């Protein structure tokens, strides 16, 4: 099925967003450190935001869920326990992420909404509990939005499977 082409005036923006979103996802395949990911792919002004959506009941074991992480550790303006750097720290202390070359689709399968300046992508990877060593395969969704003029991400939202994570870290 052919996808309709964006209007000529939005085509360069769509291409920029798709290219930057794909490069962001590819950074996870090369084990790029979180600080470099934040430096290279996220806005500095306005401050970046990361939100991993999940139920309130899961926060006790999955402390990266449901928090509006904003700003950076070095900005001096954000409470230190809710910066985007802390998102990666909390996530990394709880789960390890094991993407492979098939985790993210090719760039043309990234969904770009030129009207809202957002990119969505469905991905898959293996996750593993740091505490128990239990692992599982998961499909998840990224929504990237609030891009700046250069295509840096302002807001990264994640929808995943908190029940599988909950069970893997020791939930009953």
Protein backbone atom coordinates (compact mmCIF):
# COMPACT_ATOMS: atom_id res chain seq x y z
CA UNK A 1 0.00 0.00 0.00
CA UNK A 2 1.42 3.38 -0.96
CA UNK A 3 1.64 5.99 1.72
CA UNK A 4 0.50 9.47 0.73
CA UNK A 5 3.33 11.96 0.37
CA UNK A 6 3.33 14.94 2.70
CA UNK A 7 2.56 18.33 1.18
CA UNK A 8 5.70 19.86 -0.36
CA UNK A 9 5.98 22.50 2.39
CA UNK A 10 6.19 19.88 5.15
CA UNK A 11 8.31 17.28 3.33
CA UNK A 12 11.68 18.64 4.59
CA UNK A 13 10.42 18.76 8.18
CA UNK A 14 8.99 15.23 7.95
CA UNK A 15 12.31 13.99 6.60
CA UNK A 16 14.26 15.77 9.36
CA UNK A 17 12.07 14.36 12.13
CA UNK A 18 12.13 10.85 10.69
CA UNK A 19 15.91 10.93 10.28
CA UNK A 20 16.54 12.21 13.80
CA UNK A 21 14.03 9.82 15.38
CA UNK A 22 15.64 6.88 13.60
CA UNK A 23 19.14 7.98 14.65
CA UNK A 24 17.93 8.30 18.24
CA UNK A 25 16.62 4.72 18.22
CA UNK A 26 19.79 3.42 16.56
CA UNK A 27 21.85 4.91 19.41
CA UNK A 28 20.43 2.21 21.68
CA UNK A 29 21.86 -0.49 19.41
CA UNK A 30 25.40 0.80 19.94
CA UNK A 31 25.11 1.03 23.74
CA UNK A 32 25.46 4.80 23.63
CA UNK A 33 25.65 6.10 27.23
CA UNK A 34 22.50 7.88 28.46
CA UNK A 35 24.31 11.20 28.98
CA UNK A 36 25.44 11.18 25.33
CA UNK A 37 21.92 10.27 24.16
CA UNK A 38 20.54 13.21 26.12
CA UNK A 39 23.30 15.54 24.87
CA UNK A 40 23.02 14.51 21.22
CA UNK A 41 19.31 13.97 20.69
CA UNK A 42 17.40 16.16 23.16
CA UNK A 43 16.64 19.86 23.39
CA UNK A 44 18.28 21.99 26.03
CA UNK A 45 15.81 24.85 25.79
CA UNK A 46 13.08 24.18 26.53
CA UNK A 47 14.32 21.49 28.90
CA UNK A 48 13.75 17.92 27.69
CA UNK A 49 11.08 15.70 29.16
CA UNK A 50 10.77 11.90 29.44
CA UNK A 51 7.58 10.13 30.50
CA UNK A 52 7.21 6.36 30.70
CA UNK A 53 3.52 5.72 31.18
CA UNK A 54 2.34 3.10 33.61
CA UNK A 55 -0.06 2.40 36.47
CA UNK A 56 0.44 3.95 39.89
CA UNK A 57 0.44 0.53 41.56
CA UNK A 58 3.65 -0.44 39.74
CA UNK A 59 5.78 2.52 40.85
CA UNK A 60 7.02 0.82 44.03
CA UNK A 61 9.01 -1.68 41.95
CA UNK A 62 9.28 0.27 38.70
CA UNK A 63 10.31 3.76 39.92
CA UNK A 64 10.75 5.15 36.41
CA UNK A 65 7.01 4.87 35.62
CA UNK A 66 4.58 7.75 35.76
CA UNK A 67 7.14 10.44 36.62
CA UNK A 68 7.50 13.56 34.49
CA UNK A 69 11.29 13.62 34.24
CA UNK A 70 12.41 17.08 33.08
CA UNK A 71 15.65 18.91 32.51
CA UNK A 72 19.17 17.70 33.10
CA UNK A 73 21.32 17.10 36.17
CA UNK A 74 23.64 19.94 35.18
CA UNK A 75 20.97 22.59 34.60
CA UNK A 76 20.66 23.48 38.30
CA UNK A 77 16.97 24.31 37.79
CA UNK A 78 15.37 20.89 38.09
CA UNK A 79 14.96 18.92 41.32
CA UNK A 80 17.78 16.36 41.09
CA UNK A 81 15.52 13.33 41.60
CA UNK A 82 13.32 14.07 38.54
CA UNK A 83 15.80 14.96 35.80
CA UNK A 84 15.97 13.07 32.52
CA UNK A 85 19.35 11.75 33.68
CA UNK A 86 17.55 10.19 36.67
CA UNK A 87 15.09 8.44 34.35
CA UNK A 88 17.97 6.50 32.83
CA UNK A 89 19.46 5.86 36.27
CA UNK A 90 16.20 4.53 37.73
CA UNK A 91 15.51 2.44 34.63
CA UNK A 92 19.06 1.05 34.58
CA UNK A 93 18.95 0.16 38.27
CA UNK A 94 15.77 -1.84 37.64
CA UNK A 95 15.91 -3.25 34.11
CA UNK A 96 18.47 -3.86 31.42
CA UNK A 97 17.55 -3.26 27.79
CA UNK A 98 18.78 -5.66 25.09
CA UNK A 99 17.80 -4.38 21.64
CA UNK A 100 19.08 -6.04 18.49
CA UNK A 101 19.26 -5.08 14.81
CA UNK A 102 15.56 -5.96 14.41
CA UNK A 103 14.33 -3.96 17.41
CA UNK A 104 13.49 -0.82 15.46
CA UNK A 105 11.86 -0.68 12.03
CA UNK A 106 13.46 1.02 9.03
CA UNK A 107 13.04 4.81 8.91
CA UNK A 108 10.19 4.70 6.40
CA UNK A 109 8.08 2.84 8.99
CA UNK A 110 8.43 5.61 11.57
CA UNK A 111 5.09 7.43 11.65
CA UNK A 112 5.54 11.18 11.32
CA UNK A 113 2.62 13.50 12.01
CA UNK A 114 3.57 16.82 10.43
CA UNK A 115 0.50 18.47 11.96
CA UNK A 116 1.58 17.80 15.55
CA UNK A 117 5.32 17.60 14.86
CA UNK A 118 5.49 14.13 16.41
CA UNK A 119 7.01 10.77 15.50
CA UNK A 120 5.73 7.39 16.68
CA UNK A 121 7.45 4.06 16.37
CA UNK A 122 6.58 0.53 17.45
CA UNK A 123 9.63 -1.43 18.54
CA UNK A 124 10.57 -4.68 20.25
CA UNK A 125 13.43 -5.86 22.43
CA UNK A 126 14.40 -8.12 25.28
CA UNK A 127 14.33 -6.69 28.79
CA UNK A 128 15.83 -8.20 31.91
CA UNK A 129 15.32 -7.55 35.62
CA UNK A 130 18.56 -6.42 37.27
CA UNK A 131 17.35 -7.90 40.59
CA UNK A 132 16.12 -11.34 39.51
CA UNK A 133 17.71 -11.93 36.11
CA UNK A 134 14.31 -12.79 34.62
CA UNK A 135 13.93 -11.63 31.04
CA UNK A 136 11.11 -11.24 28.54
CA UNK A 137 10.50 -10.08 25.00
CA UNK A 138 8.41 -6.95 24.72
CA UNK A 139 6.80 -4.71 22.14
CA UNK A 140 6.68 -1.04 23.08
CA UNK A 141 5.85 2.34 21.58
CA UNK A 142 7.89 5.53 21.51
CA UNK A 143 6.27 8.88 20.79
CA UNK A 144 8.75 11.68 20.20
CA UNK A 145 7.48 15.25 20.11
CA UNK A 146 8.22 18.92 20.82
CA UNK A 147 11.15 18.85 18.41
CA UNK A 148 13.25 21.97 17.98
CA UNK A 149 14.20 23.46 14.61
CA UNK A 150 17.22 21.13 14.31
CA UNK A 151 15.17 18.01 15.05
CA UNK A 152 16.22 17.49 18.67
CA UNK A 153 13.58 15.81 20.83
CA UNK A 154 11.71 17.81 23.45
CA UNK A 155 9.51 15.02 24.84
CA UNK A 156 10.00 11.25 24.73
CA UNK A 157 7.02 9.16 25.81
CA UNK A 158 7.18 5.39 26.26
CA UNK A 159 4.32 2.90 26.47
CA UNK A 160 5.42 -0.61 27.40
CA UNK A 161 4.20 -3.64 29.35
CA UNK A 162 4.50 -2.83 33.06
CA UNK A 163 2.94 -6.14 34.12
CA UNK A 164 5.76 -8.16 32.55
CA UNK A 165 8.33 -5.84 34.15
CA UNK A 166 6.52 -6.05 37.51
CA UNK A 167 6.56 -9.85 37.42
CA UNK A 168 10.21 -9.97 36.33
CA UNK A 169 11.41 -7.74 39.18
CA UNK A 170 9.61 -9.87 41.74
CA UNK A 171 5.98 -8.80 41.78
CA UNK A 172 3.27 -11.32 42.49
